[in-house]
Amino acid sequence: MLPVEIEDDDAVPRRRRGRPRQFDPEAVVSAARRIFWIKGYEGASIEELSAAMGISRPSLYAAFGSKEGLFDKVVDEIADENFAFMRLALEQICARDVAAHMLRGAIGVPDGIARGCLELIGCVAGGPQDISVRANVIDRNAAARRALAARLEKAKQEGDLPAACDAQSISSWLFAVMQGLIVQAACNVDRSTLLRIVDLTMATWPPRDCEPGAPC
């Protein structure tokens, strides 16, 4: 009988259970983002998402837990972009420039996925059963509106906007125009037309209350 060589357990690498993740998380989240943009949250099926992401349904569930978990990751990606975008907008020297930066930026995305699109699509497409999804995107959108309203209120105190202006109403107005531009862009309206809409909107901007010669 031939001797059997028994290997030391410590010397033998332990076999990993399951297959290692073989996809780029950022790439698959970006692919899912496009499907959610086109279909909305409720309209996007797991089959469509997994096909677009190039991964199997089990891999999708293993990585994100659920469709809602995947959508939350996509919303996080959008939120990170929007945070940087809004920060630059709010840092503009005057309120008029803040508004112009926001509106032009809403149509200035080269890959066809508009800024803030998930906030819009999540609110419009989500059904009653998707309350937690809607709450997530609504809360994020509300935070951006509050930040803009606070910046406009500061502009009032500095004389950059008339004292009679309602900062909350102007903030809501700008977001309504911005979301309208996003929808128009999604419908392939040409950029020159969208820029004319921006110019018409800015032509109605309230005049300043401050002394002549100040910036803007």
N, C-alpha and C. Protein backbone atom coordinates (compact mmCIF):
# COMPACT_ATOMS: atom_id res chain seq x y z
N MET A 1 0.86 -1.20 0.00
CA MET A 1 0.00 0.00 0.00
C MET A 1 0.88 1.24 0.00
N LEU A 2 0.65 2.13 -0.91
CA LEU A 2 1.46 3.33 -1.00
C LEU A 2 1.14 4.26 0.15
N PRO A 3 2.16 4.93 0.68
CA PRO A 3 1.90 5.87 1.77
C PRO A 3 1.10 7.06 1.27
N VAL A 4 0.23 7.56 2.06
CA VAL A 4 -0.57 8.74 1.73
C VAL A 4 0.02 9.94 2.43
N GLU A 5 0.38 10.94 1.64
CA GLU A 5 0.98 12.15 2.21
C GLU A 5 -0.13 13.07 2.70
N ILE A 6 -0.10 13.36 3.97
CA ILE A 6 -1.10 14.24 4.57
C ILE A 6 -0.50 15.63 4.68
N GLU A 7 -1.13 16.61 4.01
CA GLU A 7 -0.61 17.98 4.01
C GLU A 7 -1.09 18.71 5.24
N ASP A 8 -0.23 19.55 5.73
CA ASP A 8 -0.59 20.42 6.86
C ASP A 8 -1.66 21.40 6.42
N ASP A 9 -2.75 21.50 7.20
CA ASP A 9 -3.85 22.40 6.85
C ASP A 9 -3.39 23.84 6.70
N ASP A 10 -2.40 24.25 7.54
CA ASP A 10 -1.93 25.63 7.50
C ASP A 10 -1.16 25.93 6.23
N ALA A 11 -0.63 24.87 5.59
CA ALA A 11 0.18 25.07 4.39
C ALA A 11 -0.65 25.09 3.13
N VAL A 12 -1.91 24.71 3.25
CA VAL A 12 -2.76 24.65 2.07
C VAL A 12 -3.72 25.84 2.06
N PRO A 13 -3.66 26.67 1.03
CA PRO A 13 -4.60 27.81 0.98
C PRO A 13 -6.04 27.32 1.02
N ARG A 14 -6.83 27.97 1.83
CA ARG A 14 -8.24 27.58 1.92
C ARG A 14 -8.97 28.04 0.67
N ARG A 15 -9.81 27.14 0.15
CA ARG A 15 -10.58 27.45 -1.05
C ARG A 15 -11.69 28.45 -0.70
N ARG A 16 -11.74 29.51 -1.46
CA ARG A 16 -12.78 30.51 -1.22
C ARG A 16 -14.14 29.96 -1.62
N ARG A 17 -15.12 30.27 -0.82
CA ARG A 17 -16.47 29.85 -1.14
C ARG A 17 -17.11 30.89 -2.06
N GLY A 18 -17.77 30.37 -3.09
CA GLY A 18 -18.42 31.28 -4.03
C GLY A 18 -17.42 31.88 -5.01
N ARG A 19 -17.95 32.49 -6.05
CA ARG A 19 -17.10 33.11 -7.06
C ARG A 19 -16.80 34.54 -6.66
N PRO A 20 -15.54 34.97 -6.84
CA PRO A 20 -15.23 36.36 -6.50
C PRO A 20 -15.96 37.32 -7.44
N ARG A 21 -16.23 38.52 -6.95
CA ARG A 21 -16.90 39.53 -7.76
C ARG A 21 -16.01 39.89 -8.94
N GLN A 22 -16.58 39.81 -10.16
CA GLN A 22 -15.79 40.03 -11.36
C GLN A 22 -16.37 41.17 -12.20
N PHE A 23 -16.80 42.24 -11.54
CA PHE A 23 -17.30 43.39 -12.28
C PHE A 23 -16.91 44.66 -11.56
N ASP A 24 -16.91 45.73 -12.31
CA ASP A 24 -16.58 47.04 -11.77
C ASP A 24 -17.84 47.65 -11.18
N PRO A 25 -17.90 47.83 -9.84
CA PRO A 25 -19.13 48.37 -9.22
C PRO A 25 -19.55 49.71 -9.80
N GLU A 26 -18.59 50.60 -10.07
CA GLU A 26 -18.95 51.91 -10.61
C GLU A 26 -19.56 51.80 -11.99
N ALA A 27 -19.01 50.87 -12.81
CA ALA A 27 -19.52 50.71 -14.17
C ALA A 27 -20.93 50.16 -14.17
N VAL A 28 -21.20 49.18 -13.32
CA VAL A 28 -22.54 48.58 -13.32
C VAL A 28 -23.57 49.55 -12.74
N VAL A 29 -23.16 50.37 -11.76
CA VAL A 29 -24.09 51.36 -11.22
C VAL A 29 -24.42 52.40 -12.29
N SER A 30 -23.42 52.80 -13.07
CA SER A 30 -23.66 53.75 -14.15
C SER A 30 -24.59 53.17 -15.21
N ALA A 31 -24.44 51.86 -15.50
CA ALA A 31 -25.33 51.21 -16.46
C ALA A 31 -26.76 51.17 -15.93
N ALA A 32 -26.91 50.89 -14.65
CA ALA A 32 -28.24 50.88 -14.04
C ALA A 32 -28.85 52.27 -14.05
N ARG A 33 -28.01 53.26 -13.90
CA ARG A 33 -28.49 54.66 -13.90
C ARG A 33 -29.20 54.99 -15.20
N ARG A 34 -28.68 54.52 -16.31
CA ARG A 34 -29.31 54.79 -17.60
C ARG A 34 -30.68 54.13 -17.70
N ILE A 35 -30.78 52.90 -17.20
CA ILE A 35 -32.06 52.19 -17.27
C ILE A 35 -33.09 52.90 -16.39
N PHE A 36 -32.69 53.29 -15.19
CA PHE A 36 -33.63 54.00 -14.32
C PHE A 36 -34.05 55.33 -14.94
N TRP A 37 -33.12 55.99 -15.64
CA TRP A 37 -33.44 57.26 -16.28
C TRP A 37 -34.47 57.07 -17.39
N ILE A 38 -34.32 55.99 -18.15
CA ILE A 38 -35.22 55.73 -19.27
C ILE A 38 -36.57 55.19 -18.79
N LYS A 39 -36.52 54.26 -17.84
CA LYS A 39 -37.73 53.52 -17.43
C LYS A 39 -38.37 54.04 -16.15
N GLY A 40 -37.61 54.79 -15.34
CA GLY A 40 -38.09 55.11 -14.01
C GLY A 40 -37.85 53.94 -13.08
N TYR A 41 -38.04 54.18 -11.78
CA TYR A 41 -37.77 53.11 -10.81
C TYR A 41 -38.74 51.94 -10.99
N GLU A 42 -40.01 52.23 -11.02
CA GLU A 42 -41.01 51.17 -11.09
C GLU A 42 -40.97 50.45 -12.44
N GLY A 43 -40.67 51.17 -13.51
CA GLY A 43 -40.68 50.57 -14.84
C GLY A 43 -39.46 49.72 -15.17
N ALA A 44 -38.39 49.88 -14.41
CA ALA A 44 -37.16 49.13 -14.69
C ALA A 44 -37.26 47.74 -14.05
N SER A 45 -37.18 46.70 -14.87
CA SER A 45 -37.25 45.34 -14.34
C SER A 45 -35.85 44.84 -13.97
N ILE A 46 -35.83 43.84 -13.10
CA ILE A 46 -34.55 43.23 -12.72
C ILE A 46 -33.86 42.65 -13.95
N GLU A 47 -34.64 42.06 -14.86
CA GLU A 47 -34.06 41.47 -16.08
C GLU A 47 -33.38 42.55 -16.92
N GLU A 48 -34.05 43.69 -17.10
CA GLU A 48 -33.46 44.78 -17.88
C GLU A 48 -32.21 45.33 -17.20
N LEU A 49 -32.28 45.47 -15.89
CA LEU A 49 -31.14 46.00 -15.16
C LEU A 49 -29.94 45.07 -15.24
N SER A 50 -30.16 43.79 -14.98
CA SER A 50 -29.04 42.84 -14.99
C SER A 50 -28.44 42.73 -16.40
N ALA A 51 -29.30 42.79 -17.45
CA ALA A 51 -28.78 42.73 -18.81
C ALA A 51 -27.93 43.95 -19.13
N ALA A 52 -28.41 45.13 -18.75
CA ALA A 52 -27.65 46.36 -19.02
C ALA A 52 -26.35 46.38 -18.23
N MET A 53 -26.37 45.84 -17.02
CA MET A 53 -25.19 45.84 -16.17
C MET A 53 -24.20 44.74 -16.53
N GLY A 54 -24.66 43.76 -17.33
CA GLY A 54 -23.79 42.67 -17.73
C GLY A 54 -23.50 41.68 -16.62
N ILE A 55 -24.40 41.55 -15.67
CA ILE A 55 -24.22 40.61 -14.56
C ILE A 55 -25.51 39.80 -14.39
N SER A 56 -25.40 38.69 -13.71
CA SER A 56 -26.56 37.84 -13.50
C SER A 56 -27.45 38.38 -12.38
N ARG A 57 -28.69 37.90 -12.35
CA ARG A 57 -29.59 38.30 -11.26
C ARG A 57 -29.00 37.95 -9.89
N PRO A 58 -28.45 36.72 -9.70
CA PRO A 58 -27.86 36.41 -8.38
C PRO A 58 -26.73 37.37 -8.00
N SER A 59 -25.92 37.77 -9.00
CA SER A 59 -24.83 38.70 -8.71
C SER A 59 -25.37 40.07 -8.33
N LEU A 60 -26.45 40.48 -9.00
CA LEU A 60 -27.07 41.77 -8.68
C LEU A 60 -27.57 41.77 -7.24
N TYR A 61 -28.28 40.71 -6.88
CA TYR A 61 -28.83 40.63 -5.52
C TYR A 61 -27.71 40.49 -4.48
N ALA A 62 -26.64 39.75 -4.83
CA ALA A 62 -25.54 39.57 -3.89
C ALA A 62 -24.82 40.90 -3.64
N ALA A 63 -24.71 41.72 -4.68
CA ALA A 63 -23.97 42.98 -4.56
C ALA A 63 -24.81 44.10 -3.95
N PHE A 64 -26.12 44.14 -4.28
CA PHE A 64 -26.94 45.30 -3.89
C PHE A 64 -28.14 44.95 -3.01
N GLY A 65 -28.40 43.66 -2.85
CA GLY A 65 -29.47 43.23 -1.95
C GLY A 65 -30.85 43.21 -2.57
N SER A 66 -31.18 44.22 -3.37
CA SER A 66 -32.50 44.34 -3.97
C SER A 66 -32.46 45.42 -5.03
N LYS A 67 -33.56 45.55 -5.75
CA LYS A 67 -33.66 46.64 -6.73
C LYS A 67 -33.61 47.98 -6.01
N GLU A 68 -34.26 48.07 -4.86
CA GLU A 68 -34.22 49.31 -4.09
C GLU A 68 -32.80 49.64 -3.65
N GLY A 69 -32.04 48.60 -3.23
CA GLY A 69 -30.65 48.82 -2.84
C GLY A 69 -29.81 49.33 -3.99
N LEU A 70 -30.05 48.79 -5.20
CA LEU A 70 -29.35 49.26 -6.39
C LEU A 70 -29.72 50.70 -6.69
N PHE A 71 -31.01 51.01 -6.62
CA PHE A 71 -31.46 52.37 -6.90
C PHE A 71 -30.83 53.35 -5.90
N ASP A 72 -30.74 52.94 -4.64
CA ASP A 72 -30.12 53.80 -3.63
C ASP A 72 -28.67 54.11 -4.00
N LYS A 73 -27.95 53.11 -4.53
CA LYS A 73 -26.57 53.33 -4.96
C LYS A 73 -26.51 54.32 -6.11
N VAL A 74 -27.46 54.20 -7.03
CA VAL A 74 -27.51 55.13 -8.16
C VAL A 74 -27.82 56.54 -7.67
N VAL A 75 -28.77 56.64 -6.74
CA VAL A 75 -29.11 57.95 -6.17
C VAL A 75 -27.90 58.54 -5.45
N ASP A 76 -27.12 57.70 -4.76
CA ASP A 76 -25.90 58.17 -4.11
C ASP A 76 -24.94 58.77 -5.13
N GLU A 77 -24.81 58.10 -6.29
CA GLU A 77 -23.92 58.60 -7.34
C GLU A 77 -24.38 59.96 -7.83
N ILE A 78 -25.69 60.08 -8.09
CA ILE A 78 -26.24 61.35 -8.53
C ILE A 78 -26.07 62.42 -7.45
N ALA A 79 -26.30 62.03 -6.20
CA ALA A 79 -26.21 62.99 -5.10
C ALA A 79 -24.79 63.54 -4.97
N ASP A 80 -23.79 62.68 -5.15
CA ASP A 80 -22.39 63.13 -5.09
C ASP A 80 -22.11 64.15 -6.20
N GLU A 81 -22.61 63.88 -7.40
CA GLU A 81 -22.42 64.81 -8.51
C GLU A 81 -23.16 66.12 -8.25
N ASN A 82 -24.39 65.98 -7.77
CA ASN A 82 -25.20 67.17 -7.51
C ASN A 82 -24.61 68.04 -6.41
N PHE A 83 -24.00 67.39 -5.40
CA PHE A 83 -23.40 68.14 -4.30
C PHE A 83 -22.29 69.03 -4.84
N ALA A 84 -21.43 68.47 -5.67
CA ALA A 84 -20.34 69.25 -6.25
C ALA A 84 -20.88 70.35 -7.16
N PHE A 85 -21.90 70.00 -7.95
CA PHE A 85 -22.51 70.96 -8.87
C PHE A 85 -23.17 72.10 -8.12
N MET A 86 -23.97 71.77 -7.10
CA MET A 86 -24.67 72.79 -6.32
C MET A 86 -23.68 73.67 -5.55
N ARG A 87 -22.62 73.06 -5.04
CA ARG A 87 -21.63 73.85 -4.30
C ARG A 87 -21.02 74.92 -5.19
N LEU A 88 -20.69 74.55 -6.43
CA LEU A 88 -20.14 75.54 -7.36
C LEU A 88 -21.17 76.61 -7.69
N ALA A 89 -22.42 76.19 -7.86
CA ALA A 89 -23.47 77.16 -8.17
C ALA A 89 -23.66 78.15 -7.02
N LEU A 90 -23.73 77.64 -5.80
CA LEU A 90 -24.00 78.50 -4.64
C LEU A 90 -22.84 79.42 -4.32
N GLU A 91 -21.65 79.09 -4.83
CA GLU A 91 -20.48 79.92 -4.58
C GLU A 91 -20.34 81.07 -5.57
N GLN A 92 -21.25 81.15 -6.55
CA GLN A 92 -21.19 82.26 -7.51
C GLN A 92 -21.36 83.59 -6.79
N ILE A 93 -20.79 84.65 -7.37
CA ILE A 93 -20.68 85.91 -6.65
C ILE A 93 -22.02 86.59 -6.40
N CYS A 94 -23.00 86.36 -7.26
CA CYS A 94 -24.31 86.98 -7.04
C CYS A 94 -25.42 85.98 -7.36
N ALA A 95 -26.62 86.29 -6.89
CA ALA A 95 -27.74 85.36 -7.02
C ALA A 95 -28.08 85.08 -8.48
N ARG A 96 -27.97 86.08 -9.31
CA ARG A 96 -28.26 85.89 -10.74
C ARG A 96 -27.33 84.84 -11.34
N ASP A 97 -26.06 84.92 -10.99
CA ASP A 97 -25.10 83.94 -11.50
C ASP A 97 -25.36 82.55 -10.93
N VAL A 98 -25.83 82.48 -9.68
CA VAL A 98 -26.21 81.20 -9.09
C VAL A 98 -27.28 80.54 -9.96
N ALA A 99 -28.32 81.32 -10.28
CA ALA A 99 -29.43 80.79 -11.09
C ALA A 99 -28.96 80.37 -12.48
N ALA A 100 -28.17 81.22 -13.12
CA ALA A 100 -27.70 80.91 -14.48
C ALA A 100 -26.83 79.67 -14.48
N HIS A 101 -25.98 79.52 -13.47
CA HIS A 101 -25.11 78.34 -13.37
C HIS A 101 -25.95 77.07 -13.24
N MET A 102 -26.99 77.13 -12.42
CA MET A 102 -27.84 75.98 -12.23
C MET A 102 -28.56 75.59 -13.51
N LEU A 103 -29.16 76.56 -14.18
CA LEU A 103 -29.97 76.26 -15.36
C LEU A 103 -29.11 75.80 -16.53
N ARG A 104 -27.99 76.45 -16.75
CA ARG A 104 -27.12 76.02 -17.85
C ARG A 104 -26.48 74.67 -17.53
N GLY A 105 -26.17 74.46 -16.26
CA GLY A 105 -25.58 73.17 -15.88
C GLY A 105 -26.53 72.01 -16.05
N ALA A 106 -27.83 72.28 -15.92
CA ALA A 106 -28.82 71.21 -16.05
C ALA A 106 -28.86 70.64 -17.46
N ILE A 107 -28.44 71.42 -18.45
CA ILE A 107 -28.45 70.92 -19.84
C ILE A 107 -27.04 70.72 -20.37
N GLY A 108 -26.06 70.82 -19.48
CA GLY A 108 -24.68 70.78 -19.94
C GLY A 108 -23.97 69.47 -19.71
N VAL A 109 -24.72 68.36 -19.59
CA VAL A 109 -24.10 67.06 -19.32
C VAL A 109 -23.87 66.33 -20.63
N PRO A 110 -22.60 65.99 -20.96
CA PRO A 110 -22.30 65.45 -22.27
C PRO A 110 -22.82 64.04 -22.52
N ASP A 111 -23.03 63.23 -21.48
CA ASP A 111 -23.40 61.83 -21.72
C ASP A 111 -24.89 61.61 -21.86
N GLY A 112 -25.68 62.69 -21.84
CA GLY A 112 -27.11 62.56 -22.03
C GLY A 112 -27.89 62.23 -20.78
N ILE A 113 -27.21 62.04 -19.67
CA ILE A 113 -27.89 61.78 -18.41
C ILE A 113 -27.90 63.08 -17.63
N ALA A 114 -29.05 63.71 -17.56
CA ALA A 114 -29.14 65.05 -16.98
C ALA A 114 -28.94 65.03 -15.48
N ARG A 115 -28.37 66.11 -14.95
CA ARG A 115 -28.23 66.25 -13.51
C ARG A 115 -29.61 66.30 -12.86
N GLY A 116 -29.70 65.65 -11.71
CA GLY A 116 -30.96 65.67 -10.98
C GLY A 116 -32.03 64.78 -11.56
N CYS A 117 -31.69 63.98 -12.61
CA CYS A 117 -32.72 63.22 -13.30
C CYS A 117 -33.39 62.21 -12.38
N LEU A 118 -32.67 61.61 -11.47
CA LEU A 118 -33.28 60.58 -10.63
C LEU A 118 -34.23 61.17 -9.61
N GLU A 119 -33.94 62.39 -9.16
CA GLU A 119 -34.89 63.04 -8.27
C GLU A 119 -36.23 63.22 -8.99
N LEU A 120 -36.15 63.61 -10.27
CA LEU A 120 -37.36 63.83 -11.06
C LEU A 120 -38.04 62.51 -11.38
N ILE A 121 -37.30 61.55 -11.92
CA ILE A 121 -37.88 60.28 -12.34
C ILE A 121 -38.37 59.48 -11.14
N GLY A 122 -37.64 59.52 -10.06
CA GLY A 122 -38.07 58.78 -8.88
C GLY A 122 -39.40 59.28 -8.34
N CYS A 123 -39.61 60.58 -8.40
CA CYS A 123 -40.86 61.15 -7.88
C CYS A 123 -42.02 60.90 -8.84
N VAL A 124 -41.76 60.94 -10.15
CA VAL A 124 -42.84 60.80 -11.11
C VAL A 124 -43.23 59.34 -11.32
N ALA A 125 -42.21 58.44 -11.37
CA ALA A 125 -42.49 57.07 -11.78
C ALA A 125 -42.79 56.13 -10.62
N GLY A 126 -42.40 56.48 -9.42
CA GLY A 126 -42.60 55.58 -8.30
C GLY A 126 -44.06 55.41 -7.96
N GLY A 127 -44.48 54.18 -7.68
CA GLY A 127 -45.86 53.91 -7.32
C GLY A 127 -46.03 53.95 -5.81
N PRO A 128 -47.26 53.73 -5.35
CA PRO A 128 -47.53 53.77 -3.90
C PRO A 128 -46.71 52.76 -3.12
N GLN A 129 -46.35 51.61 -3.78
CA GLN A 129 -45.58 50.60 -3.08
C GLN A 129 -44.12 50.99 -2.92
N ASP A 130 -43.70 52.07 -3.55
CA ASP A 130 -42.30 52.48 -3.52
C ASP A 130 -42.11 53.71 -2.64
N ILE A 131 -42.81 53.75 -1.52
CA ILE A 131 -42.79 54.94 -0.65
C ILE A 131 -41.38 55.24 -0.16
N SER A 132 -40.63 54.21 0.24
CA SER A 132 -39.29 54.46 0.78
C SER A 132 -38.36 55.01 -0.29
N VAL A 133 -38.52 54.54 -1.53
CA VAL A 133 -37.71 55.04 -2.65
C VAL A 133 -38.04 56.51 -2.89
N ARG A 134 -39.33 56.82 -2.96
CA ARG A 134 -39.75 58.20 -3.18
C ARG A 134 -39.26 59.11 -2.05
N ALA A 135 -39.34 58.61 -0.82
CA ALA A 135 -38.92 59.42 0.31
C ALA A 135 -37.44 59.75 0.23
N ASN A 136 -36.64 58.79 -0.22
CA ASN A 136 -35.19 59.00 -0.33
C ASN A 136 -34.89 60.13 -1.31
N VAL A 137 -35.47 60.05 -2.51
CA VAL A 137 -35.15 61.07 -3.51
C VAL A 137 -35.78 62.42 -3.16
N ILE A 138 -36.96 62.39 -2.56
CA ILE A 138 -37.61 63.65 -2.17
C ILE A 138 -36.80 64.35 -1.09
N ASP A 139 -36.28 63.59 -0.13
CA ASP A 139 -35.47 64.18 0.94
C ASP A 139 -34.21 64.82 0.37
N ARG A 140 -33.58 64.15 -0.59
CA ARG A 140 -32.35 64.71 -1.18
C ARG A 140 -32.67 65.98 -1.97
N ASN A 141 -33.78 65.95 -2.70
CA ASN A 141 -34.16 67.13 -3.47
C ASN A 141 -34.51 68.29 -2.55
N ALA A 142 -35.19 67.98 -1.44
CA ALA A 142 -35.57 69.03 -0.49
C ALA A 142 -34.34 69.69 0.13
N ALA A 143 -33.30 68.90 0.38
CA ALA A 143 -32.06 69.46 0.94
C ALA A 143 -31.43 70.46 -0.02
N ALA A 144 -31.45 70.13 -1.31
CA ALA A 144 -30.90 71.05 -2.32
C ALA A 144 -31.74 72.33 -2.40
N ARG A 145 -33.06 72.19 -2.31
CA ARG A 145 -33.93 73.37 -2.34
C ARG A 145 -33.68 74.27 -1.14
N ARG A 146 -33.47 73.66 0.03
CA ARG A 146 -33.21 74.46 1.23
C ARG A 146 -31.89 75.21 1.11
N ALA A 147 -30.89 74.55 0.55
CA ALA A 147 -29.59 75.20 0.38
C ALA A 147 -29.70 76.39 -0.57
N LEU A 148 -30.46 76.21 -1.66
CA LEU A 148 -30.64 77.31 -2.60
C LEU A 148 -31.43 78.45 -1.96
N ALA A 149 -32.49 78.13 -1.23
CA ALA A 149 -33.30 79.16 -0.57
C ALA A 149 -32.46 79.95 0.42
N ALA A 150 -31.58 79.26 1.16
CA ALA A 150 -30.71 79.94 2.13
C ALA A 150 -29.76 80.89 1.41
N ARG A 151 -29.24 80.46 0.25
CA ARG A 151 -28.33 81.33 -0.52
C ARG A 151 -29.08 82.55 -1.04
N LEU A 152 -30.32 82.38 -1.47
CA LEU A 152 -31.11 83.50 -1.96
C LEU A 152 -31.52 84.44 -0.82
N GLU A 153 -31.77 83.88 0.35
CA GLU A 153 -32.08 84.72 1.51
C GLU A 153 -30.87 85.58 1.87
N LYS A 154 -29.69 85.00 1.78
CA LYS A 154 -28.45 85.75 2.02
C LYS A 154 -28.32 86.88 1.00
N ALA A 155 -28.70 86.58 -0.26
CA ALA A 155 -28.65 87.60 -1.31
C ALA A 155 -29.58 88.77 -0.99
N LYS A 156 -30.74 88.48 -0.43
CA LYS A 156 -31.67 89.54 -0.02
C LYS A 156 -31.02 90.43 1.04
N GLN A 157 -30.40 89.82 2.02
CA GLN A 157 -29.77 90.58 3.10
C GLN A 157 -28.64 91.46 2.59
N GLU A 158 -28.01 91.03 1.50
CA GLU A 158 -26.89 91.79 0.94
C GLU A 158 -27.35 92.82 -0.09
N GLY A 159 -28.66 92.88 -0.37
CA GLY A 159 -29.16 93.80 -1.38
C GLY A 159 -29.04 93.28 -2.79
N ASP A 160 -28.68 92.01 -2.93
CA ASP A 160 -28.52 91.41 -4.25
C ASP A 160 -29.87 91.02 -4.85
N LEU A 161 -30.89 90.90 -3.99
CA LEU A 161 -32.27 90.68 -4.42
C LEU A 161 -33.16 91.67 -3.68
N PRO A 162 -34.28 92.07 -4.27
CA PRO A 162 -35.19 92.98 -3.58
C PRO A 162 -35.68 92.37 -2.26
N ALA A 163 -35.84 93.21 -1.26
CA ALA A 163 -36.27 92.73 0.06
C ALA A 163 -37.63 92.07 0.01
N ALA A 164 -38.46 92.44 -0.97
CA ALA A 164 -39.81 91.87 -1.06
C ALA A 164 -39.83 90.48 -1.68
N CYS A 165 -38.70 90.02 -2.23
CA CYS A 165 -38.65 88.70 -2.87
C CYS A 165 -38.83 87.59 -1.84
N ASP A 166 -39.49 86.53 -2.26
CA ASP A 166 -39.67 85.34 -1.44
C ASP A 166 -38.64 84.31 -1.88
N ALA A 167 -37.61 84.10 -1.06
CA ALA A 167 -36.51 83.21 -1.42
C ALA A 167 -37.00 81.78 -1.68
N GLN A 168 -37.96 81.32 -0.88
CA GLN A 168 -38.49 79.97 -1.07
C GLN A 168 -39.17 79.83 -2.42
N SER A 169 -39.96 80.83 -2.78
CA SER A 169 -40.68 80.77 -4.06
C SER A 169 -39.72 80.82 -5.24
N ILE A 170 -38.69 81.65 -5.14
CA ILE A 170 -37.71 81.73 -6.23
C ILE A 170 -36.97 80.41 -6.36
N SER A 171 -36.63 79.80 -5.23
CA SER A 171 -35.97 78.49 -5.24
C SER A 171 -36.84 77.45 -5.94
N SER A 172 -38.13 77.41 -5.58
CA SER A 172 -39.05 76.45 -6.21
C SER A 172 -39.20 76.72 -7.70
N TRP A 173 -39.24 78.00 -8.06
CA TRP A 173 -39.35 78.38 -9.48
C TRP A 173 -38.14 77.89 -10.26
N LEU A 174 -36.94 78.10 -9.72
CA LEU A 174 -35.73 77.68 -10.42
C LEU A 174 -35.68 76.17 -10.58
N PHE A 175 -36.08 75.44 -9.55
CA PHE A 175 -36.08 73.98 -9.66
C PHE A 175 -37.11 73.51 -10.68
N ALA A 176 -38.26 74.19 -10.74
CA ALA A 176 -39.28 73.82 -11.73
C ALA A 176 -38.75 74.02 -13.15
N VAL A 177 -38.08 75.15 -13.39
CA VAL A 177 -37.50 75.41 -14.71
C VAL A 177 -36.40 74.40 -15.01
N MET A 178 -35.56 74.13 -14.03
CA MET A 178 -34.45 73.20 -14.23
C MET A 178 -34.97 71.80 -14.58
N GLN A 179 -36.00 71.33 -13.86
CA GLN A 179 -36.55 70.02 -14.16
C GLN A 179 -37.25 70.00 -15.51
N GLY A 180 -37.87 71.12 -15.89
CA GLY A 180 -38.44 71.21 -17.23
C GLY A 180 -37.37 71.09 -18.30
N LEU A 181 -36.23 71.72 -18.09
CA LEU A 181 -35.11 71.62 -19.03
C LEU A 181 -34.61 70.19 -19.13
N ILE A 182 -34.57 69.49 -18.00
CA ILE A 182 -34.13 68.10 -17.99
C ILE A 182 -35.05 67.23 -18.84
N VAL A 183 -36.36 67.44 -18.70
CA VAL A 183 -37.32 66.67 -19.49
C VAL A 183 -37.17 67.00 -20.97
N GLN A 184 -37.01 68.30 -21.29
CA GLN A 184 -36.84 68.71 -22.69
C GLN A 184 -35.58 68.08 -23.28
N ALA A 185 -34.50 68.07 -22.51
CA ALA A 185 -33.26 67.48 -22.98
C ALA A 185 -33.44 65.98 -23.23
N ALA A 186 -34.20 65.31 -22.34
CA ALA A 186 -34.46 63.88 -22.51
C ALA A 186 -35.27 63.60 -23.77
N CYS A 187 -36.04 64.59 -24.20
CA CYS A 187 -36.84 64.46 -25.43
C CYS A 187 -36.07 64.92 -26.66
N ASN A 188 -34.76 65.10 -26.51
CA ASN A 188 -33.86 65.45 -27.62
C ASN A 188 -34.12 66.84 -28.20
N VAL A 189 -34.63 67.74 -27.38
CA VAL A 189 -34.72 69.13 -27.83
C VAL A 189 -33.29 69.66 -27.95
N ASP A 190 -33.02 70.39 -29.04
CA ASP A 190 -31.64 70.80 -29.28
C ASP A 190 -31.17 71.82 -28.24
N ARG A 191 -29.86 71.81 -28.02
CA ARG A 191 -29.25 72.62 -26.97
C ARG A 191 -29.49 74.11 -27.17
N SER A 192 -29.49 74.59 -28.42
CA SER A 192 -29.69 76.02 -28.66
C SER A 192 -31.08 76.46 -28.20
N THR A 193 -32.07 75.61 -28.39
CA THR A 193 -33.42 75.92 -27.92
C THR A 193 -33.46 75.99 -26.40
N LEU A 194 -32.80 75.04 -25.75
CA LEU A 194 -32.77 75.01 -24.29
C LEU A 194 -32.05 76.24 -23.73
N LEU A 195 -30.99 76.65 -24.39
CA LEU A 195 -30.27 77.84 -23.94
C LEU A 195 -31.12 79.10 -24.10
N ARG A 196 -31.97 79.14 -25.13
CA ARG A 196 -32.88 80.28 -25.28
C ARG A 196 -33.89 80.30 -24.14
N ILE A 197 -34.33 79.14 -23.70
CA ILE A 197 -35.24 79.07 -22.55
C ILE A 197 -34.55 79.62 -21.31
N VAL A 198 -33.29 79.27 -21.15
CA VAL A 198 -32.52 79.79 -20.02
C VAL A 198 -32.44 81.31 -20.10
N ASP A 199 -32.15 81.83 -21.29
CA ASP A 199 -32.03 83.29 -21.46
C ASP A 199 -33.35 83.99 -21.16
N LEU A 200 -34.46 83.40 -21.60
CA LEU A 200 -35.78 83.99 -21.32
C LEU A 200 -36.08 83.97 -19.83
N THR A 201 -35.69 82.90 -19.18
CA THR A 201 -35.91 82.80 -17.73
C THR A 201 -35.10 83.87 -17.01
N MET A 202 -33.84 84.02 -17.39
CA MET A 202 -32.98 84.98 -16.72
C MET A 202 -33.39 86.42 -17.02
N ALA A 203 -34.10 86.63 -18.13
CA ALA A 203 -34.57 87.98 -18.45
C ALA A 203 -35.62 88.46 -17.46
N THR A 204 -36.25 87.53 -16.73
CA THR A 204 -37.26 87.90 -15.73
C THR A 204 -36.68 87.98 -14.32
N TRP A 205 -35.36 87.87 -14.20
CA TRP A 205 -34.74 87.87 -12.87
C TRP A 205 -34.95 89.22 -12.16
N PRO A 206 -35.27 89.20 -10.87
CA PRO A 206 -35.54 90.46 -10.15
C PRO A 206 -34.31 91.37 -10.14
N PRO A 207 -34.53 92.68 -10.19
CA PRO A 207 -33.40 93.63 -10.16
C PRO A 207 -32.79 93.69 -8.76
N ARG A 208 -31.61 94.26 -8.70
CA ARG A 208 -30.90 94.39 -7.42
C ARG A 208 -31.44 95.57 -6.60
N ASP A 209 -31.22 95.49 -5.30
CA ASP A 209 -31.55 96.61 -4.41
C ASP A 209 -30.31 97.38 -3.98
N CYS A 210 -29.11 96.87 -4.31
CA CYS A 210 -27.89 97.46 -3.77
C CYS A 210 -27.44 98.67 -4.61
N GLU A 211 -26.40 99.30 -4.12
CA GLU A 211 -25.90 100.51 -4.77
C GLU A 211 -25.23 100.18 -6.10
N PRO A 212 -25.31 101.09 -7.06
CA PRO A 212 -24.62 100.88 -8.34
C PRO A 212 -23.11 100.73 -8.11
N GLY A 213 -22.48 99.94 -8.97
CA GLY A 213 -21.03 99.75 -8.87
C GLY A 213 -20.64 98.50 -8.12
N ALA A 214 -21.59 97.87 -7.42
CA ALA A 214 -21.28 96.62 -6.73
C ALA A 214 -21.17 95.50 -7.75
N PRO A 215 -20.50 94.37 -7.41
CA PRO A 215 -20.37 93.26 -8.37
C PRO A 215 -21.73 92.79 -8.85
N CYS A 216 -21.82 92.45 -10.15
CA CYS A 216 -23.06 91.99 -10.81
C CYS A 216 -24.11 93.07 -10.82
